Amino acid sequence: NLEKGCTVGIDPWCVSIETAQKWEGSLVKAGVKLIQLSTNLVDQIWKSRPVPDFHPVSIQPLKFAGRSVEEKVNDLRMKLAQEKACGIVVAALDE
């Protein structure tokens, strides 16, 4: 619903390259330009934004976890190598 000649700005830290390319392909067909912003506009206007909660990682006792941290990390590293992945996102269960 954008008019021809409009510009859409995205935060390149919040949008994957693949998604940005897909959007750009669609927008170009509609005569709309996609640009990457150097700053996050939400951060600029949301002055009263609450500080995010910070909860450090806690290591569970072996009797609950079943396996040691070292074993789990080694398994994760092997799986990442098998999948040719360069990283993993870890988030709280409630996010």
PDB file of N, CA and C in Angstrom:
ATOM      1  N   ASN A   1       0.808  -1.201   0.000  1.00  0.00           N
ATOM      2  CA  ASN A   1       0.000   0.000   0.000  1.00  0.00           C
ATOM      3  C   ASN A   1       0.850   1.264   0.000  1.00  0.00           C
ATOM      4  N   LEU A   2       2.136   1.134  -0.213  1.00  0.00           N
ATOM      5  CA  LEU A   2       3.011   2.299  -0.259  1.00  0.00           C
ATOM      6  C   LEU A   2       2.983   2.906  -1.650  1.00  0.00           C
ATOM      7  N   GLU A   3       3.126   4.212  -1.689  1.00  0.00           N
ATOM      8  CA  GLU A   3       3.150   4.894  -2.982  1.00  0.00           C
ATOM      9  C   GLU A   3       4.511   4.712  -3.641  1.00  0.00           C
ATOM     10  N   LYS A   4       4.507   4.732  -4.961  1.00  0.00           N
ATOM     11  CA  LYS A   4       5.748   4.658  -5.726  1.00  0.00           C
ATOM     12  C   LYS A   4       6.660   5.802  -5.284  1.00  0.00           C
ATOM     13  N   GLY A   5       7.940   5.503  -5.121  1.00  0.00           N
ATOM     14  CA  GLY A   5       8.899   6.526  -4.719  1.00  0.00           C
ATOM     15  C   GLY A   5       9.134   6.594  -3.218  1.00  0.00           C
ATOM     16  N   CYS A   6       8.362   5.847  -2.439  1.00  0.00           N
ATOM     17  CA  CYS A   6       8.560   5.815  -0.984  1.00  0.00           C
ATOM     18  C   CYS A   6       9.849   5.067  -0.648  1.00  0.00           C
ATOM     19  N   THR A   7      10.318   5.285   0.554  1.00  0.00           N
ATOM     20  CA  THR A   7      11.493   4.582   1.057  1.00  0.00           C
ATOM     21  C   THR A   7      11.125   3.886   2.357  1.00  0.00           C
ATOM     22  N   VAL A   8      11.552   2.642   2.489  1.00  0.00           N
ATOM     23  CA  VAL A   8      11.345   1.865   3.708  1.00  0.00           C
ATOM     24  C   VAL A   8      12.716   1.636   4.331  1.00  0.00           C
ATOM     25  N   GLY A   9      12.838   1.978   5.615  1.00  0.00           N
ATOM     26  CA  GLY A   9      14.099   1.784   6.323  1.00  0.00           C
ATOM     27  C   GLY A   9      14.021   0.595   7.262  1.00  0.00           C
ATOM     28  N   ILE A  10      15.107  -0.167   7.327  1.00  0.00           N
ATOM     29  CA  ILE A  10      15.168  -1.312   8.240  1.00  0.00           C
ATOM     30  C   ILE A  10      16.434  -1.227   9.083  1.00  0.00           C
ATOM     31  N   ASP A  11      16.377  -1.832  10.257  1.00  0.00           N
ATOM     32  CA  ASP A  11      17.555  -1.966  11.104  1.00  0.00           C
ATOM     33  C   ASP A  11      18.242  -3.265  10.691  1.00  0.00           C
ATOM     34  N   PRO A  12      19.436  -3.189  10.098  1.00  0.00           N
ATOM     35  CA  PRO A  12      20.092  -4.403   9.606  1.00  0.00           C
ATOM     36  C   PRO A  12      20.481  -5.384  10.711  1.00  0.00           C
ATOM     37  N   TRP A  13      20.447  -4.943  11.964  1.00  0.00           N
ATOM     38  CA  TRP A  13      20.750  -5.840  13.081  1.00  0.00           C
ATOM     39  C   TRP A  13      19.530  -6.647  13.494  1.00  0.00           C
ATOM     40  N   CYS A  14      18.353  -6.246  13.006  1.00  0.00           N
ATOM     41  CA  CYS A  14      17.108  -6.919  13.402  1.00  0.00           C
ATOM     42  C   CYS A  14      16.468  -7.718  12.274  1.00  0.00           C
ATOM     43  N   VAL A  15      16.977  -7.577  11.063  1.00  0.00           N
ATOM     44  CA  VAL A  15      16.400  -8.251   9.897  1.00  0.00           C
ATOM     45  C   VAL A  15      17.503  -9.053   9.216  1.00  0.00           C
ATOM     46  N   SER A  16      17.232 -10.316   8.937  1.00  0.00           N
ATOM     47  CA  SER A  16      18.247 -11.149   8.286  1.00  0.00           C
ATOM     48  C   SER A  16      18.476 -10.686   6.848  1.00  0.00           C
ATOM     49  N   ILE A  17      19.630 -11.027   6.307  1.00  0.00           N
ATOM     50  CA  ILE A  17      19.946 -10.678   4.918  1.00  0.00           C
ATOM     51  C   ILE A  17      18.916 -11.295   3.981  1.00  0.00           C
ATOM     52  N   GLU A  18      18.593 -12.556   4.235  1.00  0.00           N
ATOM     53  CA  GLU A  18      17.621 -13.257   3.388  1.00  0.00           C
ATOM     54  C   GLU A  18      16.269 -12.539   3.391  1.00  0.00           C
ATOM     55  N   THR A  19      15.813 -12.143   4.559  1.00  0.00           N
ATOM     56  CA  THR A  19      14.529 -11.446   4.659  1.00  0.00           C
ATOM     57  C   THR A  19      14.601 -10.092   3.970  1.00  0.00           C
ATOM     58  N   ALA A  20      15.687  -9.356   4.193  1.00  0.00           N
ATOM     59  CA  ALA A  20      15.846  -8.041   3.565  1.00  0.00           C
ATOM     60  C   ALA A  20      15.841  -8.162   2.042  1.00  0.00           C
ATOM     61  N   GLN A  21      16.514  -9.169   1.512  1.00  0.00           N
ATOM     62  CA  GLN A  21      16.542  -9.364   0.058  1.00  0.00           C
ATOM     63  C   GLN A  21      15.153  -9.695  -0.479  1.00  0.00           C
ATOM     64  N   LYS A  22      14.414 -10.502   0.270  1.00  0.00           N
ATOM     65  CA  LYS A  22      13.052 -10.853  -0.135  1.00  0.00           C
ATOM     66  C   LYS A  22      12.165  -9.605  -0.150  1.00  0.00           C
ATOM     67  N   TRP A  23      12.254  -8.816   0.904  1.00  0.00           N
ATOM     68  CA  TRP A  23      11.462  -7.588   0.975  1.00  0.00           C
ATOM     69  C   TRP A  23      11.850  -6.635  -0.147  1.00  0.00           C
ATOM     70  N   GLU A  24      13.162  -6.511  -0.364  1.00  0.00           N
ATOM     71  CA  GLU A  24      13.637  -5.594  -1.392  1.00  0.00           C
ATOM     72  C   GLU A  24      13.110  -5.995  -2.768  1.00  0.00           C
ATOM     73  N   GLY A  25      13.110  -7.299  -3.053  1.00  0.00           N
ATOM     74  CA  GLY A  25      12.573  -7.769  -4.331  1.00  0.00           C
ATOM     75  C   GLY A  25      11.124  -7.369  -4.523  1.00  0.00           C
ATOM     76  N   SER A  26      10.333  -7.510  -3.483  1.00  0.00           N
ATOM     77  CA  SER A  26       8.917  -7.139  -3.561  1.00  0.00           C
ATOM     78  C   SER A  26       8.743  -5.631  -3.649  1.00  0.00           C
ATOM     79  N   LEU A  27       9.523  -4.903  -2.862  1.00  0.00           N
ATOM     80  CA  LEU A  27       9.379  -3.446  -2.831  1.00  0.00           C
ATOM     81  C   LEU A  27       9.808  -2.804  -4.145  1.00  0.00           C
ATOM     82  N   VAL A  28      10.898  -3.300  -4.730  1.00  0.00           N
ATOM     83  CA  VAL A  28      11.383  -2.743  -5.997  1.00  0.00           C
ATOM     84  C   VAL A  28      10.305  -2.848  -7.075  1.00  0.00           C
ATOM     85  N   LYS A  29       9.608  -3.975  -7.100  1.00  0.00           N
ATOM     86  CA  LYS A  29       8.531  -4.159  -8.081  1.00  0.00           C
ATOM     87  C   LYS A  29       7.439  -3.107  -7.915  1.00  0.00           C
ATOM     88  N   ALA A  30       7.273  -2.624  -6.677  1.00  0.00           N
ATOM     89  CA  ALA A  30       6.245  -1.616  -6.395  1.00  0.00           C
ATOM     90  C   ALA A  30       6.804  -0.196  -6.477  1.00  0.00           C
ATOM     91  N   GLY A  31       8.077  -0.072  -6.872  1.00  0.00           N
ATOM     92  CA  GLY A  31       8.683   1.250  -6.985  1.00  0.00           C
ATOM     93  C   GLY A  31       9.078   1.850  -5.647  1.00  0.00           C
ATOM     94  N   VAL A  32       9.316   0.990  -4.662  1.00  0.00           N
ATOM     95  CA  VAL A  32       9.681   1.439  -3.317  1.00  0.00           C
ATOM     96  C   VAL A  32      11.125   1.028  -3.040  1.00  0.00           C
ATOM     97  N   LYS A  33      11.865   1.928  -2.411  1.00  0.00           N
ATOM     98  CA  LYS A  33      13.279   1.688  -2.121  1.00  0.00           C
ATOM     99  C   LYS A  33      13.438   1.187  -0.684  1.00  0.00           C
ATOM    100  N   LEU A  34      14.319   0.212  -0.480  1.00  0.00           N
ATOM    101  CA  LEU A  34      14.631  -0.311   0.848  1.00  0.00           C
ATOM    102  C   LEU A  34      16.033   0.150   1.226  1.00  0.00           C
ATOM    103  N   ILE A  35      16.167   0.762   2.410  1.00  0.00           N
ATOM    104  CA  ILE A  35      17.486   1.201   2.870  1.00  0.00           C
ATOM    105  C   ILE A  35      17.767   0.633   4.258  1.00  0.00           C
ATOM    106  N   GLN A  36      19.054   0.505   4.568  1.00  0.00           N
ATOM    107  CA  GLN A  36      19.474   0.072   5.902  1.00  0.00           C
ATOM    108  C   GLN A  36      19.779   1.311   6.727  1.00  0.00           C
ATOM    109  N   LEU A  37      19.157   1.397   7.888  1.00  0.00           N
ATOM    110  CA  LEU A  37      19.379   2.528   8.778  1.00  0.00           C
ATOM    111  C   LEU A  37      20.633   2.294   9.611  1.00  0.00           C
ATOM    112  N   SER A  38      21.318   3.370   9.958  1.00  0.00           N
ATOM    113  CA  SER A  38      22.521   3.236  10.781  1.00  0.00           C
ATOM    114  C   SER A  38      22.185   3.223  12.268  1.00  0.00           C
ATOM    115  N   THR A  39      20.972   3.650  12.620  1.00  0.00           N
ATOM    116  CA  THR A  39      20.537   3.622  14.021  1.00  0.00           C
ATOM    117  C   THR A  39      19.140   3.013  14.095  1.00  0.00           C
ATOM    118  N   ASN A  40      18.806   2.501  15.256  1.00  0.00           N
ATOM    119  CA  ASN A  40      17.485   1.915  15.475  1.00  0.00           C
ATOM    120  C   ASN A  40      16.525   3.037  15.861  1.00  0.00           C
ATOM    121  N   LEU A  41      15.529   3.299  15.037  1.00  0.00           N
ATOM    122  CA  LEU A  41      14.601   4.400  15.291  1.00  0.00           C
ATOM    123  C   LEU A  41      13.790   4.194  16.567  1.00  0.00           C
ATOM    124  N   VAL A  42      13.459   2.960  16.884  1.00  0.00           N
ATOM    125  CA  VAL A  42      12.718   2.688  18.121  1.00  0.00           C
ATOM    126  C   VAL A  42      13.546   3.135  19.319  1.00  0.00           C
ATOM    127  N   ASP A  43      14.834   2.826  19.309  1.00  0.00           N
ATOM    128  CA  ASP A  43      15.710   3.246  20.407  1.00  0.00           C
ATOM    129  C   ASP A  43      15.769   4.768  20.523  1.00  0.00           C
ATOM    130  N   GLN A  44      15.690   5.464  19.403  1.00  0.00           N
ATOM    131  CA  GLN A  44      15.768   6.924  19.420  1.00  0.00           C
ATOM    132  C   GLN A  44      14.522   7.573  20.012  1.00  0.00           C
ATOM    133  N   ILE A  45      13.351   6.973  19.789  1.00  0.00           N
ATOM    134  CA  ILE A  45      12.125   7.627  20.258  1.00  0.00           C
ATOM    135  C   ILE A  45      11.574   7.060  21.559  1.00  0.00           C
ATOM    136  N   TRP A  46      11.984   5.861  21.952  1.00  0.00           N
ATOM    137  CA  TRP A  46      11.457   5.227  23.172  1.00  0.00           C
ATOM    138  C   TRP A  46      12.380   5.596  24.334  1.00  0.00           C
ATOM    139  N   LYS A  47      12.173   6.796  24.870  1.00  0.00           N
ATOM    140  CA  LYS A  47      13.054   7.330  25.912  1.00  0.00           C
ATOM    141  C   LYS A  47      12.823   6.678  27.273  1.00  0.00           C
ATOM    142  N   SER A  48      11.600   6.208  27.535  1.00  0.00           N
ATOM    143  CA  SER A  48      11.294   5.639  28.854  1.00  0.00           C
ATOM    144  C   SER A  48      11.333   4.109  28.837  1.00  0.00           C
ATOM    145  N   ARG A  49      12.072   3.557  27.898  1.00  0.00           N
ATOM    146  CA  ARG A  49      12.140   2.101  27.763  1.00  0.00           C
ATOM    147  C   ARG A  49      12.753   1.481  29.018  1.00  0.00           C
ATOM    148  N   PRO A  50      12.084   0.478  29.594  1.00  0.00           N
ATOM    149  CA  PRO A  50      12.645  -0.146  30.795  1.00  0.00           C
ATOM    150  C   PRO A  50      13.925  -0.919  30.473  1.00  0.00           C
ATOM    151  N   VAL A  51      14.791  -0.985  31.449  1.00  0.00           N
ATOM    152  CA  VAL A  51      16.036  -1.741  31.292  1.00  0.00           C
ATOM    153  C   VAL A  51      15.677  -3.223  31.239  1.00  0.00           C
ATOM    154  N   PRO A  52      16.206  -3.958  30.258  1.00  0.00           N
ATOM    155  CA  PRO A  52      15.888  -5.391  30.177  1.00  0.00           C
ATOM    156  C   PRO A  52      16.376  -6.136  31.420  1.00  0.00           C
ATOM    157  N   ASP A  53      15.623  -7.140  31.795  1.00  0.00           N
ATOM    158  CA  ASP A  53      16.037  -7.985  32.910  1.00  0.00           C
ATOM    159  C   ASP A  53      17.313  -8.729  32.531  1.00  0.00           C
ATOM    160  N   PHE A  54      18.166  -8.904  33.492  1.00  0.00           N
ATOM    161  CA  PHE A  54      19.386  -9.670  33.268  1.00  0.00           C
ATOM    162  C   PHE A  54      19.438 -10.779  34.303  1.00  0.00           C
ATOM    163  N   HIS A  55      19.445 -11.984  33.823  1.00  0.00           N
ATOM    164  CA  HIS A  55      19.530 -13.132  34.707  1.00  0.00           C
ATOM    165  C   HIS A  55      20.697 -13.996  34.246  1.00  0.00           C
ATOM    166  N   PRO A  56      21.741 -14.077  35.048  1.00  0.00           N
ATOM    167  CA  PRO A  56      22.889 -14.884  34.629  1.00  0.00           C
ATOM    168  C   PRO A  56      22.514 -16.362  34.491  1.00  0.00           C
ATOM    169  N   VAL A  57      23.263 -17.041  33.656  1.00  0.00           N
ATOM    170  CA  VAL A  57      23.050 -18.472  33.454  1.00  0.00           C
ATOM    171  C   VAL A  57      23.374 -19.194  34.756  1.00  0.00           C
ATOM    172  N   SER A  58      22.530 -20.131  35.116  1.00  0.00           N
ATOM    173  CA  SER A  58      22.818 -20.921  36.316  1.00  0.00           C
ATOM    174  C   SER A  58      23.006 -22.380  35.910  1.00  0.00           C
ATOM    175  N   ILE A  59      24.025 -22.983  36.460  1.00  0.00           N
ATOM    176  CA  ILE A  59      24.330 -24.378  36.156  1.00  0.00           C
ATOM    177  C   ILE A  59      23.576 -25.258  37.143  1.00  0.00           C
ATOM    178  N   GLN A  60      22.790 -26.164  36.603  1.00  0.00           N
ATOM    179  CA  GLN A  60      21.995 -27.060  37.436  1.00  0.00           C
ATOM    180  C   GLN A  60      22.850 -28.218  37.944  1.00  0.00           C
ATOM    181  N   PRO A  61      22.551 -28.696  39.134  1.00  0.00           N
ATOM    182  CA  PRO A  61      23.294 -29.847  39.660  1.00  0.00           C
ATOM    183  C   PRO A  61      23.158 -31.048  38.721  1.00  0.00           C
ATOM    184  N   LEU A  62      24.208 -31.845  38.663  1.00  0.00           N
ATOM    185  CA  LEU A  62      24.261 -33.012  37.787  1.00  0.00           C
ATOM    186  C   LEU A  62      23.069 -33.944  37.999  1.00  0.00           C
ATOM    187  N   LYS A  63      22.598 -34.061  39.239  1.00  0.00           N
ATOM    188  CA  LYS A  63      21.471 -34.962  39.512  1.00  0.00           C
ATOM    189  C   LYS A  63      20.193 -34.498  38.806  1.00  0.00           C
ATOM    190  N   PHE A  64      20.082 -33.197  38.492  1.00  0.00           N
ATOM    191  CA  PHE A  64      18.917 -32.689  37.764  1.00  0.00           C
ATOM    192  C   PHE A  64      19.185 -32.608  36.264  1.00  0.00           C
ATOM    193  N   ALA A  65      20.408 -32.226  35.907  1.00  0.00           N
ATOM    194  CA  ALA A  65      20.752 -32.014  34.500  1.00  0.00           C
ATOM    195  C   ALA A  65      21.013 -33.316  33.754  1.00  0.00           C
ATOM    196  N   GLY A  66      21.466 -34.335  34.468  1.00  0.00           N
ATOM    197  CA  GLY A  66      21.713 -35.618  33.822  1.00  0.00           C
ATOM    198  C   GLY A  66      23.080 -35.756  33.193  1.00  0.00           C
ATOM    199  N   ARG A  67      23.633 -34.653  32.711  1.00  0.00           N
ATOM    200  CA  ARG A  67      24.956 -34.658  32.082  1.00  0.00           C
ATOM    201  C   ARG A  67      25.676 -33.376  32.455  1.00  0.00           C
ATOM    202  N   SER A  68      26.990 -33.405  32.398  1.00  0.00           N
ATOM    203  CA  SER A  68      27.774 -32.223  32.778  1.00  0.00           C
ATOM    204  C   SER A  68      27.692 -31.143  31.698  1.00  0.00           C
ATOM    205  N   VAL A  69      28.013 -29.927  32.113  1.00  0.00           N
ATOM    206  CA  VAL A  69      28.059 -28.806  31.173  1.00  0.00           C
ATOM    207  C   VAL A  69      29.041 -29.120  30.052  1.00  0.00           C
ATOM    208  N   GLU A  70      30.192 -29.646  30.401  1.00  0.00           N
ATOM    209  CA  GLU A  70      31.223 -29.951  29.404  1.00  0.00           C
ATOM    210  C   GLU A  70      30.710 -30.928  28.353  1.00  0.00           C
ATOM    211  N   GLU A  71      30.005 -31.976  28.800  1.00  0.00           N
ATOM    212  CA  GLU A  71      29.456 -32.959  27.855  1.00  0.00           C
ATOM    213  C   GLU A  71      28.447 -32.299  26.916  1.00  0.00           C
ATOM    214  N   LYS A  72      27.577 -31.498  27.485  1.00  0.00           N
ATOM    215  CA  LYS A  72      26.550 -30.844  26.670  1.00  0.00           C
ATOM    216  C   LYS A  72      27.165 -29.868  25.675  1.00  0.00           C
ATOM    217  N   VAL A  73      28.153 -29.094  26.116  1.00  0.00           N
ATOM    218  CA  VAL A  73      28.811 -28.135  25.225  1.00  0.00           C
ATOM    219  C   VAL A  73      29.561 -28.870  24.117  1.00  0.00           C
ATOM    220  N   ASN A  74      30.246 -29.944  24.443  1.00  0.00           N
ATOM    221  CA  ASN A  74      30.950 -30.726  23.416  1.00  0.00           C
ATOM    222  C   ASN A  74      29.977 -31.301  22.394  1.00  0.00           C
ATOM    223  N   ASP A  75      28.840 -31.823  22.851  1.00  0.00           N
ATOM    224  CA  ASP A  75      27.822 -32.335  21.928  1.00  0.00           C
ATOM    225  C   ASP A  75      27.299 -31.224  21.022  1.00  0.00           C
ATOM    226  N   LEU A  76      27.085 -30.051  21.606  1.00  0.00           N
ATOM    227  CA  LEU A  76      26.602 -28.915  20.831  1.00  0.00           C
ATOM    228  C   LEU A  76      27.624 -28.514  19.776  1.00  0.00           C
ATOM    229  N   ARG A  77      28.885 -28.464  20.151  1.00  0.00           N
ATOM    230  CA  ARG A  77      29.943 -28.122  19.187  1.00  0.00           C
ATOM    231  C   ARG A  77      29.986 -29.119  18.034  1.00  0.00           C
ATOM    232  N   MET A  78      29.863 -30.402  18.349  1.00  0.00           N
ATOM    233  CA  MET A  78      29.878 -31.423  17.288  1.00  0.00           C
ATOM    234  C   MET A  78      28.674 -31.253  16.360  1.00  0.00           C
ATOM    235  N   LYS A  79      27.507 -30.984  16.930  1.00  0.00           N
ATOM    236  CA  LYS A  79      26.298 -30.812  16.118  1.00  0.00           C
ATOM    237  C   LYS A  79      26.421 -29.574  15.230  1.00  0.00           C
ATOM    238  N   LEU A  80      26.960 -28.485  15.765  1.00  0.00           N
ATOM    239  CA  LEU A  80      27.169 -27.280  14.963  1.00  0.00           C
ATOM    240  C   LEU A  80      28.111 -27.571  13.799  1.00  0.00           C
ATOM    241  N   ALA A  81      29.178 -28.313  14.057  1.00  0.00           N
ATOM    242  CA  ALA A  81      30.128 -28.667  12.998  1.00  0.00           C
ATOM    243  C   ALA A  81      29.459 -29.542  11.941  1.00  0.00           C
ATOM    244  N   GLN A  82      28.657 -30.518  12.376  1.00  0.00           N
ATOM    245  CA  GLN A  82      27.948 -31.394  11.430  1.00  0.00           C
ATOM    246  C   GLN A  82      27.010 -30.599  10.528  1.00  0.00           C
ATOM    247  N   GLU A  83      26.362 -29.608  11.103  1.00  0.00           N
ATOM    248  CA  GLU A  83      25.394 -28.801  10.354  1.00  0.00           C
ATOM    249  C   GLU A  83      26.048 -27.637   9.615  1.00  0.00           C
ATOM    250  N   LYS A  84      27.380 -27.496   9.792  1.00  0.00           N
ATOM    251  CA  LYS A  84      28.127 -26.379   9.201  1.00  0.00           C
ATOM    252  C   LYS A  84      27.536 -25.038   9.640  1.00  0.00           C
ATOM    253  N   ALA A  85      27.128 -24.989  10.905  1.00  0.00           N
ATOM    254  CA  ALA A  85      26.566 -23.767  11.483  1.00  0.00           C
ATOM    255  C   ALA A  85      27.674 -22.992  12.183  1.00  0.00           C
ATOM    256  N   CYS A  86      27.563 -21.677  12.180  1.00  0.00           N
ATOM    257  CA  CYS A  86      28.605 -20.863  12.810  1.00  0.00           C
ATOM    258  C   CYS A  86      28.170 -20.308  14.160  1.00  0.00           C
ATOM    259  N   GLY A  87      26.955 -20.591  14.585  1.00  0.00           N
ATOM    260  CA  GLY A  87      26.506 -20.079  15.873  1.00  0.00           C
ATOM    261  C   GLY A  87      25.158 -20.633  16.254  1.00  0.00           C
ATOM    262  N   ILE A  88      24.730 -20.256  17.437  1.00  0.00           N
ATOM    263  CA  ILE A  88      23.445 -20.712  17.957  1.00  0.00           C
ATOM    264  C   ILE A  88      22.857 -19.594  18.807  1.00  0.00           C
ATOM    265  N   VAL A  89      21.556 -19.451  18.782  1.00  0.00           N
ATOM    266  CA  VAL A  89      20.868 -18.461  19.607  1.00  0.00           C
ATOM    267  C   VAL A  89      20.354 -19.168  20.850  1.00  0.00           C
ATOM    268  N   VAL A  90      20.689 -18.621  22.000  1.00  0.00           N
ATOM    269  CA  VAL A  90      20.223 -19.168  23.273  1.00  0.00           C
ATOM    270  C   VAL A  90      19.344 -18.112  23.922  1.00  0.00           C
ATOM    271  N   ALA A  91      18.131 -18.500  24.291  1.00  0.00           N
ATOM    272  CA  ALA A  91      17.199 -17.547  24.894  1.00  0.00           C
ATOM    273  C   ALA A  91      16.480 -18.201  26.063  1.00  0.00           C
ATOM    274  N   ALA A  92      15.909 -17.362  26.904  1.00  0.00           N
ATOM    275  CA  ALA A  92      15.115 -17.880  28.016  1.00  0.00           C
ATOM    276  C   ALA A  92      13.870 -18.556  27.461  1.00  0.00           C
ATOM    277  N   LEU A  93      13.362 -19.525  28.178  1.00  0.00           N
ATOM    278  CA  LEU A  93      12.194 -20.267  27.708  1.00  0.00           C
ATOM    279  C   LEU A  93      10.966 -19.386  27.557  1.00  0.00           C
ATOM    280  N   ASP A  94      10.908 -18.282  28.283  1.00  0.00           N
ATOM    281  CA  ASP A  94       9.729 -17.423  28.223  1.00  0.00           C
ATOM    282  C   ASP A  94       9.852 -16.301  27.199  1.00  0.00           C
ATOM    283  N   GLU A  95      10.894 -16.310  26.369  1.00  0.00           N
ATOM    284  CA  GLU A  95      11.053 -15.259  25.365  1.00  0.00           C
ATOM    285  C   GLU A  95      10.405 -15.647  24.062  1.00  0.00           C
TER     286      GLU A  95
END
